Amino acid sequence: MTEETREVRGRIPKSLKIAFEIACARLEITQTAALEEAIKEWLKKHESTSSDK
């Protein structure tokens, strides 16, 4: 069973977007997969620090 998905939007500098697209192509992964991984890592980092407050 596939998990329901939602769209995430944001604005980043053009140079960062181009670097991201190139990195995804080189690694042969989708931008969606890379963003999901990055968001999960970001949440891990910030959830551990927010529980300390």
Protein backbone atom coordinates (compact mmCIF):
# COMPACT_ATOMS: atom_id res chain seq x y z
CA MET A 1 0.00 0.00 0.00
CA THR A 2 1.39 3.39 -1.00
CA GLU A 3 1.37 6.23 1.51
CA GLU A 4 -0.69 9.26 0.51
CA THR A 5 1.51 12.15 -0.62
CA ARG A 6 1.29 15.92 -0.46
CA GLU A 7 3.13 18.66 -2.31
CA VAL A 8 5.68 20.87 -0.54
CA ARG A 9 6.65 24.24 -1.99
CA GLY A 10 9.32 26.79 -1.23
CA ARG A 11 11.70 29.21 -2.83
CA ILE A 12 15.48 28.77 -2.86
CA PRO A 13 18.29 30.55 -4.71
CA LYS A 14 18.61 29.60 -8.39
CA SER A 15 22.19 28.37 -7.92
CA LEU A 16 21.12 26.00 -5.13
CA LYS A 17 18.29 24.62 -7.26
CA ILE A 18 20.63 23.97 -10.18
CA ALA A 19 23.20 22.28 -7.91
CA PHE A 20 20.41 20.12 -6.44
CA GLU A 21 19.15 19.07 -9.89
CA ILE A 22 22.68 18.17 -11.00
CA ALA A 23 23.38 16.18 -7.82
CA CYS A 24 20.14 14.23 -8.18
CA ALA A 25 20.93 13.44 -11.81
CA ARG A 26 24.47 12.30 -10.95
CA LEU A 27 23.17 10.08 -8.15
CA GLU A 28 20.33 8.83 -10.37
CA ILE A 29 17.68 9.59 -7.75
CA THR A 30 14.51 11.60 -8.08
CA GLN A 31 14.29 15.05 -6.62
CA THR A 32 11.32 13.81 -4.60
CA ALA A 33 13.41 11.06 -3.01
CA ALA A 34 16.23 13.48 -2.23
CA LEU A 35 13.85 16.03 -0.69
CA GLU A 36 12.16 13.35 1.41
CA GLU A 37 15.55 12.21 2.72
CA ALA A 38 16.63 15.79 3.47
CA ILE A 39 13.39 16.60 5.31
CA LYS A 40 13.63 13.43 7.41
CA GLU A 41 17.21 14.30 8.39
CA TRP A 42 16.21 17.88 9.20
CA LEU A 43 13.36 16.65 11.39
CA LYS A 44 15.66 14.22 13.24
CA LYS A 45 18.11 17.05 13.95
CA HIS A 46 15.49 19.52 15.14
CA GLU A 47 13.24 17.09 17.02
CA SER A 48 16.16 16.07 19.23
CA THR A 49 16.99 19.70 20.06
CA SER A 50 13.38 20.78 20.59
CA SER A 51 12.85 18.11 23.27
CA ASP A 52 15.74 19.65 25.26
CA LYS A 53 13.85 22.93 25.72
